[in-house]
Amino acid sequence: MPTVLYVNGYRFFFWMNEHEPIHIHVEKGKCHARIVLVPDIVVSYNHGFKRNEMRTIMDIIICNYEKIIQSWHNAFNK
């Protein structure tokens, strides 16, 4: 499971058996979320993150969007 980013304790990663739509997982402590990236950035599920943490996570994703998408394509040869 490749880690794409590690920012402020949040780990952004993919599972190696992933499928489309393009998405990223994020975890910190016991909290975990899945965010779909295309066609729009949408929270697929959130287990434990507070609203302000999700805002921070979304800001990190937006700031690193191209890197995350490129990492997906590199990992899955798409």
PDB file of N, CA and C in Angstrom:
ATOM      1  N   MET A   1       0.844  -1.168   0.000  1.00  0.00           N
ATOM      2  CA  MET A   1       0.000   0.000   0.000  1.00  0.00           C
ATOM      3  C   MET A   1       0.888   1.230   0.000  1.00  0.00           C
ATOM      4  N   PRO A   2       1.078   1.822  -1.172  1.00  0.00           N
ATOM      5  CA  PRO A   2       1.981   2.965  -1.275  1.00  0.00           C
ATOM      6  C   PRO A   2       1.426   4.221  -0.602  1.00  0.00           C
ATOM      7  N   THR A   3       2.273   4.831   0.203  1.00  0.00           N
ATOM      8  CA  THR A   3       1.932   6.110   0.811  1.00  0.00           C
ATOM      9  C   THR A   3       2.304   7.210  -0.170  1.00  0.00           C
ATOM     10  N   VAL A   4       1.357   8.062  -0.482  1.00  0.00           N
ATOM     11  CA  VAL A   4       1.569   9.149  -1.431  1.00  0.00           C
ATOM     12  C   VAL A   4       2.031  10.403  -0.702  1.00  0.00           C
ATOM     13  N   LEU A   5       1.407  10.691   0.422  1.00  0.00           N
ATOM     14  CA  LEU A   5       1.727  11.876   1.219  1.00  0.00           C
ATOM     15  C   LEU A   5       1.659  11.533   2.695  1.00  0.00           C
ATOM     16  N   TYR A   6       2.453  12.245   3.456  1.00  0.00           N
ATOM     17  CA  TYR A   6       2.358  12.184   4.911  1.00  0.00           C
ATOM     18  C   TYR A   6       2.453  13.625   5.386  1.00  0.00           C
ATOM     19  N   VAL A   7       1.327  14.195   5.806  1.00  0.00           N
ATOM     20  CA  VAL A   7       1.267  15.614   6.162  1.00  0.00           C
ATOM     21  C   VAL A   7       0.583  15.762   7.515  1.00  0.00           C
ATOM     22  N   ASN A   8       1.275  16.389   8.466  1.00  0.00           N
ATOM     23  CA  ASN A   8       0.698  16.678   9.788  1.00  0.00           C
ATOM     24  C   ASN A   8       0.069  15.451  10.443  1.00  0.00           C
ATOM     25  N   GLY A   9       0.687  14.303  10.256  1.00  0.00           N
ATOM     26  CA  GLY A   9       0.184  13.071  10.855  1.00  0.00           C
ATOM     27  C   GLY A   9      -0.859  12.347  10.031  1.00  0.00           C
ATOM     28  N   TYR A  10      -1.330  12.953   8.946  1.00  0.00           N
ATOM     29  CA  TYR A  10      -2.286  12.305   8.047  1.00  0.00           C
ATOM     30  C   TYR A  10      -1.506  11.517   6.996  1.00  0.00           C
ATOM     31  N   ARG A  11      -1.857  10.261   6.832  1.00  0.00           N
ATOM     32  CA  ARG A  11      -1.213   9.431   5.809  1.00  0.00           C
ATOM     33  C   ARG A  11      -2.199   9.217   4.671  1.00  0.00           C
ATOM     34  N   PHE A  12      -1.790   9.606   3.486  1.00  0.00           N
ATOM     35  CA  PHE A  12      -2.597   9.461   2.277  1.00  0.00           C
ATOM     36  C   PHE A  12      -2.012   8.312   1.472  1.00  0.00           C
ATOM     37  N   PHE A  13      -2.854   7.334   1.130  1.00  0.00           N
ATOM     38  CA  PHE A  13      -2.321   6.122   0.500  1.00  0.00           C
ATOM     39  C   PHE A  13      -3.358   5.436  -0.377  1.00  0.00           C
ATOM     40  N   PHE A  14      -2.855   4.480  -1.175  1.00  0.00           N
ATOM     41  CA  PHE A  14      -3.687   3.599  -1.993  1.00  0.00           C
ATOM     42  C   PHE A  14      -3.485   2.175  -1.514  1.00  0.00           C
ATOM     43  N   TRP A  15      -4.483   1.352  -1.695  1.00  0.00           N
ATOM     44  CA  TRP A  15      -4.314  -0.092  -1.573  1.00  0.00           C
ATOM     45  C   TRP A  15      -3.883  -0.596  -2.948  1.00  0.00           C
ATOM     46  N   MET A  16      -3.069  -1.621  -3.018  1.00  0.00           N
ATOM     47  CA  MET A  16      -2.569  -2.087  -4.308  1.00  0.00           C
ATOM     48  C   MET A  16      -3.620  -2.822  -5.132  1.00  0.00           C
ATOM     49  N   ASN A  17      -4.735  -3.174  -4.560  1.00  0.00           N
ATOM     50  CA  ASN A  17      -5.793  -3.829  -5.332  1.00  0.00           C
ATOM     51  C   ASN A  17      -6.931  -2.849  -5.634  1.00  0.00           C
ATOM     52  N   GLU A  18      -6.593  -1.581  -5.784  1.00  0.00           N
ATOM     53  CA  GLU A  18      -7.599  -0.534  -5.986  1.00  0.00           C
ATOM     54  C   GLU A  18      -8.280  -0.655  -7.342  1.00  0.00           C
ATOM     55  N   HIS A  19      -9.367   0.048  -7.470  1.00  0.00           N
ATOM     56  CA  HIS A  19     -10.149   0.100  -8.695  1.00  0.00           C
ATOM     57  C   HIS A  19     -10.668   1.521  -8.852  1.00  0.00           C
ATOM     58  N   GLU A  20     -11.133   1.819 -10.032  1.00  0.00           N
ATOM     59  CA  GLU A  20     -11.704   3.140 -10.255  1.00  0.00           C
ATOM     60  C   GLU A  20     -13.064   3.242  -9.589  1.00  0.00           C
ATOM     61  N   PRO A  21     -13.549   4.405  -9.245  1.00  0.00           N
ATOM     62  CA  PRO A  21     -12.991   5.699  -9.602  1.00  0.00           C
ATOM     63  C   PRO A  21     -11.715   5.993  -8.808  1.00  0.00           C
ATOM     64  N   ILE A  22     -10.910   6.869  -9.363  1.00  0.00           N
ATOM     65  CA  ILE A  22      -9.669   7.247  -8.692  1.00  0.00           C
ATOM     66  C   ILE A  22     -10.023   7.837  -7.332  1.00  0.00           C
ATOM     67  N   HIS A  23      -9.361   7.324  -6.300  1.00  0.00           N
ATOM     68  CA  HIS A  23      -9.626   7.779  -4.939  1.00  0.00           C
ATOM     69  C   HIS A  23      -8.377   7.609  -4.087  1.00  0.00           C
ATOM     70  N   ILE A  24      -8.404   8.183  -2.913  1.00  0.00           N
ATOM     71  CA  ILE A  24      -7.288   8.104  -1.965  1.00  0.00           C
ATOM     72  C   ILE A  24      -7.860   7.794  -0.589  1.00  0.00           C
ATOM     73  N   HIS A  25      -7.097   7.043   0.189  1.00  0.00           N
ATOM     74  CA  HIS A  25      -7.450   6.774   1.578  1.00  0.00           C
ATOM     75  C   HIS A  25      -6.590   7.673   2.454  1.00  0.00           C
ATOM     76  N   VAL A  26      -7.138   8.065   3.588  1.00  0.00           N
ATOM     77  CA  VAL A  26      -6.372   8.855   4.549  1.00  0.00           C
ATOM     78  C   VAL A  26      -6.644   8.295   5.936  1.00  0.00           C
ATOM     79  N   GLU A  27      -5.575   8.216   6.722  1.00  0.00           N
ATOM     80  CA  GLU A  27      -5.740   7.746   8.093  1.00  0.00           C
ATOM     81  C   GLU A  27      -4.849   8.548   9.026  1.00  0.00           C
ATOM     82  N   LYS A  28      -5.312   8.631  10.247  1.00  0.00           N
ATOM     83  CA  LYS A  28      -4.548   9.240  11.334  1.00  0.00           C
ATOM     84  C   LYS A  28      -5.085   8.617  12.601  1.00  0.00           C
ATOM     85  N   GLY A  29      -4.225   7.949  13.339  1.00  0.00           N
ATOM     86  CA  GLY A  29      -4.685   7.234  14.522  1.00  0.00           C
ATOM     87  C   GLY A  29      -5.688   6.174  14.131  1.00  0.00           C
ATOM     88  N   LYS A  30      -6.836   6.166  14.790  1.00  0.00           N
ATOM     89  CA  LYS A  30      -7.881   5.178  14.490  1.00  0.00           C
ATOM     90  C   LYS A  30      -8.897   5.691  13.466  1.00  0.00           C
ATOM     91  N   CYS A  31      -8.695   6.896  12.972  1.00  0.00           N
ATOM     92  CA  CYS A  31      -9.630   7.481  12.003  1.00  0.00           C
ATOM     93  C   CYS A  31      -9.212   7.126  10.584  1.00  0.00           C
ATOM     94  N   HIS A  32     -10.200   6.983   9.709  1.00  0.00           N
ATOM     95  CA  HIS A  32      -9.946   6.593   8.333  1.00  0.00           C
ATOM     96  C   HIS A  32     -11.031   7.181   7.439  1.00  0.00           C
ATOM     97  N   ALA A  33     -10.634   7.622   6.255  1.00  0.00           N
ATOM     98  CA  ALA A  33     -11.602   8.135   5.285  1.00  0.00           C
ATOM     99  C   ALA A  33     -11.158   7.745   3.882  1.00  0.00           C
ATOM    100  N   ARG A  34     -12.115   7.752   2.972  1.00  0.00           N
ATOM    101  CA  ARG A  34     -11.856   7.484   1.552  1.00  0.00           C
ATOM    102  C   ARG A  34     -12.456   8.646   0.776  1.00  0.00           C
ATOM    103  N   ILE A  35     -11.629   9.241  -0.098  1.00  0.00           N
ATOM    104  CA  ILE A  35     -12.069  10.392  -0.870  1.00  0.00           C
ATOM    105  C   ILE A  35     -11.927  10.075  -2.352  1.00  0.00           C
ATOM    106  N   VAL A  36     -13.035  10.152  -3.074  1.00  0.00           N
ATOM    107  CA  VAL A  36     -13.030   9.990  -4.526  1.00  0.00           C
ATOM    108  C   VAL A  36     -12.506  11.288  -5.126  1.00  0.00           C
ATOM    109  N   LEU A  37     -11.657  11.165  -6.165  1.00  0.00           N
ATOM    110  CA  LEU A  37     -10.998  12.339  -6.728  1.00  0.00           C
ATOM    111  C   LEU A  37     -11.542  12.776  -8.085  1.00  0.00           C
ATOM    112  N   VAL A  38     -12.117  11.867  -8.840  1.00  0.00           N
ATOM    113  CA  VAL A  38     -12.668  12.225 -10.150  1.00  0.00           C
ATOM    114  C   VAL A  38     -14.017  11.559 -10.346  1.00  0.00           C
ATOM    115  N   PRO A  39     -14.968  12.165 -10.969  1.00  0.00           N
ATOM    116  CA  PRO A  39     -14.849  13.460 -11.644  1.00  0.00           C
ATOM    117  C   PRO A  39     -14.837  14.648 -10.682  1.00  0.00           C
ATOM    118  N   ASP A  40     -15.327  14.468  -9.465  1.00  0.00           N
ATOM    119  CA  ASP A  40     -15.301  15.523  -8.449  1.00  0.00           C
ATOM    120  C   ASP A  40     -14.699  14.968  -7.169  1.00  0.00           C
ATOM    121  N   ILE A  41     -14.172  15.851  -6.341  1.00  0.00           N
ATOM    122  CA  ILE A  41     -13.632  15.439  -5.049  1.00  0.00           C
ATOM    123  C   ILE A  41     -14.800  15.297  -4.082  1.00  0.00           C
ATOM    124  N   VAL A  42     -15.029  14.049  -3.637  1.00  0.00           N
ATOM    125  CA  VAL A  42     -16.184  13.740  -2.793  1.00  0.00           C
ATOM    126  C   VAL A  42     -15.758  12.749  -1.715  1.00  0.00           C
ATOM    127  N   VAL A  43     -16.190  12.979  -0.492  1.00  0.00           N
ATOM    128  CA  VAL A  43     -15.912  12.029   0.589  1.00  0.00           C
ATOM    129  C   VAL A  43     -16.802  10.809   0.383  1.00  0.00           C
ATOM    130  N   SER A  44     -16.156   9.661   0.212  1.00  0.00           N
ATOM    131  CA  SER A  44     -16.883   8.402   0.031  1.00  0.00           C
ATOM    132  C   SER A  44     -17.341   7.874   1.386  1.00  0.00           C
ATOM    133  N   TYR A  45     -16.425   7.885   2.353  1.00  0.00           N
ATOM    134  CA  TYR A  45     -16.793   7.572   3.728  1.00  0.00           C
ATOM    135  C   TYR A  45     -15.801   8.197   4.686  1.00  0.00           C
ATOM    136  N   ASN A  46     -16.244   8.401   5.896  1.00  0.00           N
ATOM    137  CA  ASN A  46     -15.432   8.991   6.956  1.00  0.00           C
ATOM    138  C   ASN A  46     -15.737   8.248   8.247  1.00  0.00           C
ATOM    139  N   HIS A  47     -14.720   7.656   8.818  1.00  0.00           N
ATOM    140  CA  HIS A  47     -14.865   6.959  10.094  1.00  0.00           C
ATOM    141  C   HIS A  47     -13.988   7.647  11.135  1.00  0.00           C
ATOM    142  N   GLY A  48     -14.570   8.605  11.844  1.00  0.00           N
ATOM    143  CA  GLY A  48     -13.907   9.164  13.010  1.00  0.00           C
ATOM    144  C   GLY A  48     -13.315  10.548  12.893  1.00  0.00           C
ATOM    145  N   PHE A  49     -13.091  11.056  11.681  1.00  0.00           N
ATOM    146  CA  PHE A  49     -12.542  12.403  11.568  1.00  0.00           C
ATOM    147  C   PHE A  49     -13.626  13.434  11.877  1.00  0.00           C
ATOM    148  N   LYS A  50     -13.234  14.481  12.599  1.00  0.00           N
ATOM    149  CA  LYS A  50     -14.150  15.585  12.887  1.00  0.00           C
ATOM    150  C   LYS A  50     -14.246  16.497  11.663  1.00  0.00           C
ATOM    151  N   ARG A  51     -15.255  17.337  11.658  1.00  0.00           N
ATOM    152  CA  ARG A  51     -15.498  18.226  10.515  1.00  0.00           C
ATOM    153  C   ARG A  51     -14.278  19.083  10.181  1.00  0.00           C
ATOM    154  N   ASN A  52     -13.631  19.665  11.205  1.00  0.00           N
ATOM    155  CA  ASN A  52     -12.465  20.512  10.937  1.00  0.00           C
ATOM    156  C   ASN A  52     -11.295  19.694  10.399  1.00  0.00           C
ATOM    157  N   GLU A  53     -11.169  18.439  10.829  1.00  0.00           N
ATOM    158  CA  GLU A  53     -10.124  17.575  10.286  1.00  0.00           C
ATOM    159  C   GLU A  53     -10.401  17.259   8.816  1.00  0.00           C
ATOM    160  N   MET A  54     -11.658  17.037   8.475  1.00  0.00           N
ATOM    161  CA  MET A  54     -12.006  16.763   7.080  1.00  0.00           C
ATOM    162  C   MET A  54     -11.737  17.983   6.205  1.00  0.00           C
ATOM    163  N   ARG A  55     -11.957  19.178   6.739  1.00  0.00           N
ATOM    164  CA  ARG A  55     -11.617  20.387   5.975  1.00  0.00           C
ATOM    165  C   ARG A  55     -10.117  20.438   5.713  1.00  0.00           C
ATOM    166  N   THR A  56      -9.325  20.116   6.738  1.00  0.00           N
ATOM    167  CA  THR A  56      -7.872  20.086   6.583  1.00  0.00           C
ATOM    168  C   THR A  56      -7.470  19.047   5.549  1.00  0.00           C
ATOM    169  N   ILE A  57      -8.048  17.856   5.637  1.00  0.00           N
ATOM    170  CA  ILE A  57      -7.756  16.780   4.685  1.00  0.00           C
ATOM    171  C   ILE A  57      -8.096  17.222   3.263  1.00  0.00           C
ATOM    172  N   MET A  58      -9.254  17.826   3.076  1.00  0.00           N
ATOM    173  CA  MET A  58      -9.654  18.274   1.738  1.00  0.00           C
ATOM    174  C   MET A  58      -8.704  19.358   1.222  1.00  0.00           C
ATOM    175  N   ASP A  59      -8.258  20.261   2.085  1.00  0.00           N
ATOM    176  CA  ASP A  59      -7.288  21.284   1.676  1.00  0.00           C
ATOM    177  C   ASP A  59      -5.982  20.642   1.228  1.00  0.00           C
ATOM    178  N   ILE A  60      -5.522  19.638   1.971  1.00  0.00           N
ATOM    179  CA  ILE A  60      -4.284  18.936   1.607  1.00  0.00           C
ATOM    180  C   ILE A  60      -4.453  18.252   0.256  1.00  0.00           C
ATOM    181  N   ILE A  61      -5.591  17.613   0.049  1.00  0.00           N
ATOM    182  CA  ILE A  61      -5.848  16.938  -1.229  1.00  0.00           C
ATOM    183  C   ILE A  61      -5.869  17.948  -2.372  1.00  0.00           C
ATOM    184  N   ILE A  62      -6.552  19.057  -2.195  1.00  0.00           N
ATOM    185  CA  ILE A  62      -6.625  20.068  -3.254  1.00  0.00           C
ATOM    186  C   ILE A  62      -5.237  20.602  -3.582  1.00  0.00           C
ATOM    187  N   CYS A  63      -4.430  20.876  -2.574  1.00  0.00           N
ATOM    188  CA  CYS A  63      -3.081  21.404  -2.796  1.00  0.00           C
ATOM    189  C   CYS A  63      -2.151  20.390  -3.458  1.00  0.00           C
ATOM    190  N   ASN A  64      -2.446  19.112  -3.304  1.00  0.00           N
ATOM    191  CA  ASN A  64      -1.584  18.055  -3.838  1.00  0.00           C
ATOM    192  C   ASN A  64      -2.292  17.204  -4.889  1.00  0.00           C
ATOM    193  N   TYR A  65      -3.352  17.738  -5.460  1.00  0.00           N
ATOM    194  CA  TYR A  65      -4.210  16.975  -6.365  1.00  0.00           C
ATOM    195  C   TYR A  65      -3.434  16.343  -7.524  1.00  0.00           C
ATOM    196  N   GLU A  66      -2.633  17.124  -8.219  1.00  0.00           N
ATOM    197  CA  GLU A  66      -1.895  16.596  -9.382  1.00  0.00           C
ATOM    198  C   GLU A  66      -0.932  15.489  -8.971  1.00  0.00           C
ATOM    199  N   LYS A  67      -0.256  15.669  -7.856  1.00  0.00           N
ATOM    200  CA  LYS A  67       0.675  14.641  -7.369  1.00  0.00           C
ATOM    201  C   LYS A  67      -0.071  13.350  -7.051  1.00  0.00           C
ATOM    202  N   ILE A  68      -1.220  13.453  -6.421  1.00  0.00           N
ATOM    203  CA  ILE A  68      -2.002  12.266  -6.062  1.00  0.00           C
ATOM    204  C   ILE A  68      -2.483  11.550  -7.317  1.00  0.00           C
ATOM    205  N   ILE A  69      -3.018  12.300  -8.283  1.00  0.00           N
ATOM    206  CA  ILE A  69      -3.502  11.697  -9.529  1.00  0.00           C
ATOM    207  C   ILE A  69      -2.351  11.024 -10.266  1.00  0.00           C
ATOM    208  N   GLN A  70      -1.216  11.690 -10.358  1.00  0.00           N
ATOM    209  CA  GLN A  70      -0.058  11.099 -11.042  1.00  0.00           C
ATOM    210  C   GLN A  70       0.416   9.845 -10.316  1.00  0.00           C
ATOM    211  N   SER A  71       0.398   9.850  -9.003  1.00  0.00           N
ATOM    212  CA  SER A  71       0.793   8.667  -8.227  1.00  0.00           C
ATOM    213  C   SER A  71      -0.145   7.502  -8.500  1.00  0.00           C
ATOM    214  N   TRP A  72      -1.445   7.787  -8.628  1.00  0.00           N
ATOM    215  CA  TRP A  72      -2.419   6.737  -8.965  1.00  0.00           C
ATOM    216  C   TRP A  72      -2.061   6.119 -10.318  1.00  0.00           C
ATOM    217  N   HIS A  73      -1.851   6.987 -11.318  1.00  0.00           N
ATOM    218  CA  HIS A  73      -1.537   6.494 -12.660  1.00  0.00           C
ATOM    219  C   HIS A  73      -0.233   5.700 -12.663  1.00  0.00           C
ATOM    220  N   ASN A  74       0.757   6.162 -11.926  1.00  0.00           N
ATOM    221  CA  ASN A  74       2.026   5.433 -11.844  1.00  0.00           C
ATOM    222  C   ASN A  74       1.849   4.081 -11.166  1.00  0.00           C
ATOM    223  N   ALA A  75       1.066   4.032 -10.111  1.00  0.00           N
ATOM    224  CA  ALA A  75       0.881   2.784  -9.357  1.00  0.00           C
ATOM    225  C   ALA A  75       0.087   1.753 -10.143  1.00  0.00           C
ATOM    226  N   PHE A  76      -0.876   2.220 -10.923  1.00  0.00           N
ATOM    227  CA  PHE A  76      -1.775   1.290 -11.604  1.00  0.00           C
ATOM    228  C   PHE A  76      -1.613   1.312 -13.118  1.00  0.00           C
ATOM    229  N   ASN A  77      -0.527   1.952 -13.595  1.00  0.00           N
ATOM    230  CA  ASN A  77      -0.194   1.974 -15.026  1.00  0.00           C
ATOM    231  C   ASN A  77      -1.372   2.386 -15.894  1.00  0.00           C
ATOM    232  N   LYS A  78      -2.025   3.445 -15.508  1.00  0.00           N
ATOM    233  CA  LYS A  78      -3.191   3.912 -16.278  1.00  0.00           C
ATOM    234  C   LYS A  78      -2.862   5.204 -16.978  1.00  0.00           C
TER     235      LYS A  78
END
